[in-house]
Protein backbone atom coordinates (compact mmCIF):
# COMPACT_ATOMS: atom_id res chain seq x y z
CA MET A 1 -111.82 39.09 28.44
CA ASN A 2 -114.18 42.03 28.65
CA PHE A 3 -117.12 41.42 30.93
CA GLN A 4 -120.12 43.63 30.35
CA TYR A 5 -123.36 42.67 31.84
CA MET A 6 -126.20 43.44 34.11
CA ARG A 7 -128.64 44.50 35.68
CA PHE A 8 -132.11 44.48 37.08
CA LEU A 9 -135.69 45.00 36.02
CA TRP A 10 -137.22 46.97 38.87
CA LEU A 11 -140.91 47.72 39.26
CA LEU A 12 -141.22 50.90 41.22
CA PHE A 13 -143.87 51.81 43.74
CA ILE A 14 -144.72 55.00 45.61
CA PRO A 15 -143.55 54.81 49.24
CA PHE A 16 -144.46 57.28 51.97
CA PHE A 17 -141.77 59.68 53.11
CA SER A 18 -141.74 62.17 55.94
CA PHE A 19 -141.20 65.90 55.61
CA SER A 20 -137.58 65.44 56.77
CA GLN A 21 -136.40 63.62 53.64
CA VAL A 22 -133.17 65.02 52.21
CA VAL A 23 -133.03 63.06 48.94
CA LYS A 24 -135.57 64.73 46.69
CA PHE A 25 -137.75 63.04 44.12
CA ARG A 26 -136.74 63.88 40.57
CA GLN A 27 -138.48 67.02 39.32
CA TYR A 28 -138.56 67.05 35.53
CA ARG A 29 -138.85 70.15 33.38
CA GLU A 30 -140.70 69.90 30.06
CA GLY A 31 -138.37 70.02 27.07
CA GLU A 32 -135.22 69.65 29.14
CA ILE A 33 -132.26 68.05 27.31
CA PHE A 34 -129.02 66.97 28.99
CA ARG A 35 -126.14 64.55 28.48
CA TYR A 36 -124.10 62.17 30.60
CA LYS A 37 -120.56 60.93 30.14
CA LEU A 38 -119.95 57.36 31.32
CA THR A 39 -116.34 56.24 31.81
CA THR A 40 -115.48 52.61 32.62
CA ASP A 41 -112.04 51.30 33.63
CA THR A 42 -111.70 47.50 33.70
CA TYR A 43 -109.26 45.15 35.43
CA ASN A 44 -108.96 41.36 35.12
CA ASN A 45 -106.95 39.57 37.81
CA ASP A 46 -105.74 43.01 38.99
CA LYS A 47 -104.35 43.84 35.53
CA TYR A 48 -105.69 46.92 33.73
CA THR A 49 -107.40 45.89 30.49
CA GLY A 50 -108.93 49.08 29.11
CA THR A 51 -111.23 52.07 29.31
CA SER A 52 -114.44 52.93 27.52
CA VAL A 53 -116.08 56.35 27.30
CA ALA A 54 -119.68 56.80 26.12
CA ILE A 55 -122.09 59.73 25.85
CA SER A 56 -125.86 59.50 26.32
CA GLU A 57 -128.45 62.19 25.58
CA HIS A 58 -131.62 62.49 27.66
CA ARG A 59 -134.75 64.33 26.59
CA VAL A 60 -137.57 64.89 29.08
CA VAL A 61 -140.88 63.64 27.69
CA LYS A 62 -144.31 62.84 29.05
CA GLU A 63 -145.54 59.27 28.73
CA GLY A 64 -149.22 59.42 29.52
CA SER A 65 -149.32 61.30 32.82
CA ILE A 66 -145.76 60.44 33.86
CA TRP A 67 -142.60 62.43 33.16
CA ALA A 68 -139.69 60.35 31.86
CA GLU A 69 -136.31 60.57 30.14
CA SER A 70 -136.01 59.36 26.55
CA ILE A 71 -132.43 58.14 26.21
CA LYS A 72 -130.35 57.77 23.08
CA TRP A 73 -126.64 57.00 22.87
CA LEU A 74 -124.46 59.31 20.79
CA GLU A 75 -120.95 57.92 20.90
CA LYS A 76 -118.54 55.41 22.41
CA THR A 77 -114.78 55.00 22.31
CA SER A 78 -112.81 52.04 23.67
CA PHE A 79 -109.15 52.35 24.68
CA THR A 80 -106.70 49.50 25.34
CA SER A 81 -102.92 49.34 25.50
CA LYS A 82 -102.93 48.13 21.89
CA ASP A 83 -105.49 50.27 20.10
CA THR A 84 -108.37 52.74 20.16
CA LEU A 85 -111.75 51.74 18.74
CA ASN A 86 -114.50 54.14 17.69
CA LEU A 87 -117.76 52.34 18.50
CA SER A 88 -120.07 55.27 17.89
CA THR A 89 -121.87 53.41 15.11
CA ALA A 90 -122.90 50.82 17.69
CA ALA A 91 -123.95 53.56 20.12
CA LEU A 92 -126.12 55.27 17.51
CA SER A 93 -127.76 51.96 16.59
CA VAL A 94 -129.34 51.60 20.06
CA LYS A 95 -133.03 52.37 19.80
CA PRO A 96 -134.19 55.19 22.10
CA TYR A 97 -135.72 53.98 25.36
CA SER A 98 -137.05 55.62 28.48
CA VAL A 99 -136.62 55.54 32.25
CA SER A 100 -138.23 57.66 34.95
CA LEU A 101 -137.12 58.65 38.44
CA ALA A 102 -140.50 60.26 39.13
CA PRO A 103 -142.27 58.75 42.18
CA GLU A 104 -144.69 56.88 39.94
CA GLY A 105 -142.11 56.07 37.24
CA ARG A 106 -140.08 52.97 36.38
CA VAL A 107 -136.45 52.17 35.72
CA LEU A 108 -136.53 49.23 33.32
CA LEU A 109 -133.88 47.76 31.05
CA PRO A 110 -134.68 47.98 27.34
CA LYS A 111 -134.20 45.00 25.07
CA LEU A 112 -130.46 44.41 24.72
CA SER A 113 -129.71 43.95 21.03
CA VAL A 114 -126.37 45.73 20.46
CA PRO A 115 -123.51 43.68 22.01
CA ASP A 116 -121.01 46.57 22.15
CA MET A 117 -123.46 48.66 24.19
CA VAL A 118 -124.76 46.12 26.72
CA GLY A 119 -122.38 47.34 29.41
CA GLU A 120 -123.20 51.02 28.96
CA ILE A 121 -126.96 50.48 28.91
CA THR A 122 -127.02 48.24 31.96
CA ASP A 123 -124.54 50.34 33.95
CA LEU A 124 -126.44 53.58 33.34
CA ASN A 125 -129.58 51.74 34.42
CA THR A 126 -127.85 50.65 37.63
CA PHE A 127 -126.83 54.22 38.47
CA TYR A 128 -130.49 55.21 38.14
CA VAL A 129 -131.72 52.22 40.15
CA ALA A 130 -129.45 53.23 43.05
CA ILE A 131 -131.53 56.37 43.75
CA ALA A 132 -134.89 55.16 42.41
CA PRO A 133 -137.91 55.24 44.75
CA ALA A 134 -137.99 51.42 44.78
CA LEU A 135 -134.78 51.36 46.79
CA LYS A 136 -136.06 54.09 49.13
CA ALA A 137 -133.11 56.48 49.05
CA GLN A 138 -135.74 59.20 49.59
CA ALA A 139 -136.38 57.72 53.05
CA LEU A 140 -132.94 58.81 54.24
CA SER A 141 -132.82 61.72 56.66
CA GLU A 142 -130.64 63.19 59.38
CA ASN A 143 -132.42 60.90 61.81
CA ASN A 144 -132.40 57.87 59.49
CA ARG A 145 -128.93 57.91 57.96
CA GLU A 146 -128.65 54.23 57.06
CA PHE A 147 -130.94 51.26 56.50
CA ILE A 148 -130.93 47.85 54.85
CA ASN A 149 -133.63 47.00 52.34
CA PRO A 150 -135.23 43.82 53.73
CA GLU A 151 -136.11 42.50 50.28
CA LEU A 152 -133.35 40.67 48.39
CA ARG A 153 -133.04 41.85 44.79
CA LYS A 154 -132.67 39.11 42.19
CA GLY A 155 -131.48 39.99 38.70
CA ASN A 156 -131.34 38.27 35.32
CA PHE A 157 -128.69 39.82 33.08
CA ALA A 158 -128.58 37.37 30.17
CA ASP A 159 -128.57 39.09 26.78
CA SER A 160 -128.99 35.95 24.60
CA MET A 161 -125.96 37.05 22.56
CA THR A 162 -122.76 36.56 24.52
CA ILE A 163 -124.23 36.00 27.99
CA LEU A 164 -126.41 32.94 27.60
CA TYR A 165 -127.40 32.77 31.26
CA GLY A 166 -126.84 35.15 34.13
CA THR A 167 -128.40 35.56 37.56
CA ASP A 168 -127.38 37.35 40.72
CA CYS A 169 -128.87 38.12 44.12
CA ILE A 170 -128.15 41.30 46.08
CA GLN A 171 -128.79 42.86 49.48
CA VAL A 172 -129.10 46.66 49.26
CA THR A 173 -128.02 49.14 51.93
CA GLN A 174 -128.65 52.89 51.66
CA ARG A 175 -126.50 55.40 53.56
CA LEU A 176 -126.62 59.19 53.78
CA ILE A 177 -123.04 60.49 53.54
CA SER A 178 -123.66 64.24 53.58
CA THR A 179 -126.14 66.95 52.69
CA ASP A 180 -126.12 70.72 52.37
CA LYS A 181 -128.26 73.35 50.67
CA GLN A 182 -127.10 72.39 47.18
CA TYR A 183 -126.22 68.69 47.10
CA THR A 184 -126.86 65.41 48.88
CA ILE A 185 -124.44 62.48 48.65
CA VAL A 186 -125.79 58.95 49.04
CA GLU A 187 -124.00 55.61 49.10
CA THR A 188 -125.88 52.58 47.80
CA LYS A 189 -124.20 49.29 48.60
CA PHE A 190 -125.13 46.12 46.72
CA SER A 191 -123.74 43.21 48.74
CA PRO A 192 -123.96 39.42 48.74
CA PRO A 193 -126.57 38.25 51.26
CA VAL A 194 -125.39 36.25 54.26
CA VAL A 195 -127.67 33.35 53.27
CA PRO A 196 -127.74 31.47 49.94
CA CYS A 197 -130.18 33.00 47.47
CA LEU A 198 -129.37 31.48 44.06
CA GLU A 199 -130.85 28.48 42.33
CA PRO A 200 -127.43 27.00 41.47
CA LEU A 201 -126.73 25.71 37.98
CA ILE A 202 -124.47 23.00 39.40
CA ASP A 203 -123.90 21.59 42.90
CA THR A 204 -120.53 23.32 43.22
CA ILE A 205 -122.16 26.74 43.03
CA ALA A 206 -124.25 25.90 46.10
CA THR A 207 -121.01 25.68 48.14
CA SER A 208 -119.51 28.86 49.59
CA ILE A 209 -115.96 29.39 48.33
CA PHE A 210 -115.44 32.98 49.49
CA ASP A 211 -116.49 35.01 52.54
CA TYR A 212 -120.17 34.88 51.60
CA PRO A 213 -122.46 32.41 49.83
CA ASN A 214 -122.16 32.67 46.05
CA ASN A 215 -124.55 35.28 44.68
CA PHE A 216 -123.46 35.35 41.02
CA GLN A 217 -123.49 32.79 38.20
CA MET A 218 -123.06 33.23 34.47
CA ILE A 219 -122.71 31.18 31.29
CA ARG A 220 -120.83 33.02 28.59
CA LYS A 221 -120.54 31.95 24.96
CA GLY A 222 -117.19 30.34 24.18
CA ASN A 223 -115.49 28.91 21.11
CA GLY A 224 -117.71 26.85 18.80
CA ASP A 225 -120.31 25.05 20.88
CA LYS A 226 -118.30 25.48 24.10
CA VAL A 227 -119.27 27.81 26.94
CA ASN A 228 -117.48 29.38 29.90
CA LEU A 229 -119.10 29.05 33.32
CA PHE A 230 -118.49 31.60 36.09
CA TRP A 231 -119.71 31.71 39.67
CA GLY A 232 -118.80 33.43 42.91
CA VAL A 233 -119.32 36.62 44.87
CA GLU A 234 -120.27 39.99 43.39
CA GLU A 235 -120.57 43.35 45.12
CA PHE A 236 -120.68 46.96 44.04
CA ILE A 237 -120.96 50.33 45.70
CA ILE A 238 -122.45 53.44 44.07
CA THR A 239 -121.87 56.92 45.45
CA SER A 240 -124.34 59.47 44.02
CA LYS A 241 -124.19 63.26 44.20
CA ILE A 242 -127.74 64.57 43.84
CA ASP A 243 -128.93 68.11 43.10
CA ASN A 244 -131.30 69.15 45.88
CA GLN A 245 -133.25 71.45 43.57
CA ASN A 246 -134.45 68.80 41.12
CA GLY A 247 -133.27 65.39 42.36
CA GLN A 248 -130.96 64.92 39.36
CA ILE A 249 -127.74 62.91 39.47
CA VAL A 250 -124.89 65.41 39.10
CA GLU A 251 -122.18 62.78 39.23
CA ALA A 252 -121.78 59.26 40.54
CA SER A 253 -119.16 56.55 40.86
CA MET A 254 -119.36 52.77 40.98
CA ASP A 255 -116.83 50.28 42.35
CA ASN A 256 -117.78 46.83 41.03
CA ARG A 257 -115.83 43.75 42.20
CA LEU A 258 -116.26 40.04 41.51
CA LYS A 259 -114.36 37.09 42.97
CA LEU A 260 -115.15 34.12 40.76
CA ARG A 261 -114.30 30.61 39.68
CA MET A 262 -114.30 29.90 35.95
CA ARG A 263 -114.67 26.63 34.07
CA TYR A 264 -113.16 27.19 30.65
CA ASN A 265 -114.43 25.47 27.50
CA ALA A 266 -117.27 23.64 29.22
CA SER A 267 -119.73 21.50 27.33
CA PRO A 268 -123.24 22.96 26.89
CA ASP A 269 -124.52 20.62 29.64
CA LEU A 270 -121.68 21.87 31.92
CA LYS A 271 -120.58 18.30 32.71
CA THR A 272 -117.10 18.53 31.18
CA TYR A 273 -114.58 21.35 30.86
CA ASP A 274 -110.90 21.94 30.08
CA VAL A 275 -109.76 23.72 33.22
CA GLU A 276 -111.08 25.49 36.32
CA MET A 277 -109.36 28.68 37.50
CA PRO A 278 -109.90 31.72 39.76
CA VAL A 279 -110.88 35.03 38.11
CA THR A 280 -110.98 38.43 39.78
CA LEU A 281 -112.82 41.23 37.99
CA ARG A 282 -112.97 44.90 38.91
CA ARG A 283 -114.60 47.84 37.18
CA ASN A 284 -114.43 51.48 38.22
CA LEU A 285 -117.11 53.66 36.66
CA LYS A 286 -117.83 57.37 36.70
CA LEU A 287 -121.02 59.08 35.54
CA GLU A 288 -120.83 62.84 34.92
CA LEU A 289 -123.57 65.29 33.98
CA LEU A 290 -122.26 67.41 31.11
CA LYS A 291 -122.95 71.11 31.26
């Protein structure tokens, strides 16, 4: 079972920051081209299931009056204990799309149309969202080292291919870990809120079964006309190392954990199913700027 999903469509706005900010806005340079390597290790029920490695290429362009990054995917390889798959054809089939970390820019998900690349596209997007102006990382300073975003962030991560329905709800906390002349390190924590925030698909999802109210629910395509229903608690923490000269992500890591219940082989109306079981998912991701 390989779960790839997420994330959010964020509309960015321009907040006010004081002169003491340590996380710089992204400063783009015309014609700049760079690449990132994204590595994902996955575990289901604490058992290692595989690793994927993908490469993206970013070209700085101007869209109207706003600087942005035009992204295309170059390659992907998937490793399991049984085999190695070259999925570069799928990577190359993703249409170029753009994101912008400029103060007036946006970090939006493109249309997800290549199943083998949904995880890479949405995860790269999430790394960018973590330091985007909408989440106010640029408001961190030596005197304001941690704050909680008051607005809950609700996401829809359905792709209409394998994930037929998917919603989550997240509370975001920003924390300044360290800063020096060259780099600033920021932790962005996406946690389940302490109060219910989902519109539950079924009554059971409205009941807390873990330490927090459920903040994740998903319907995944199953065999034939059957579906698999998941719900529970999701959290992830991103640690970003940012270049103080231009605001660029130099490297970042993500620890993504889900404690879920699963109803296997459910009917499309979710009223019947074969069995209900616990599922624990964990993904460790690393984003690296290639020189």
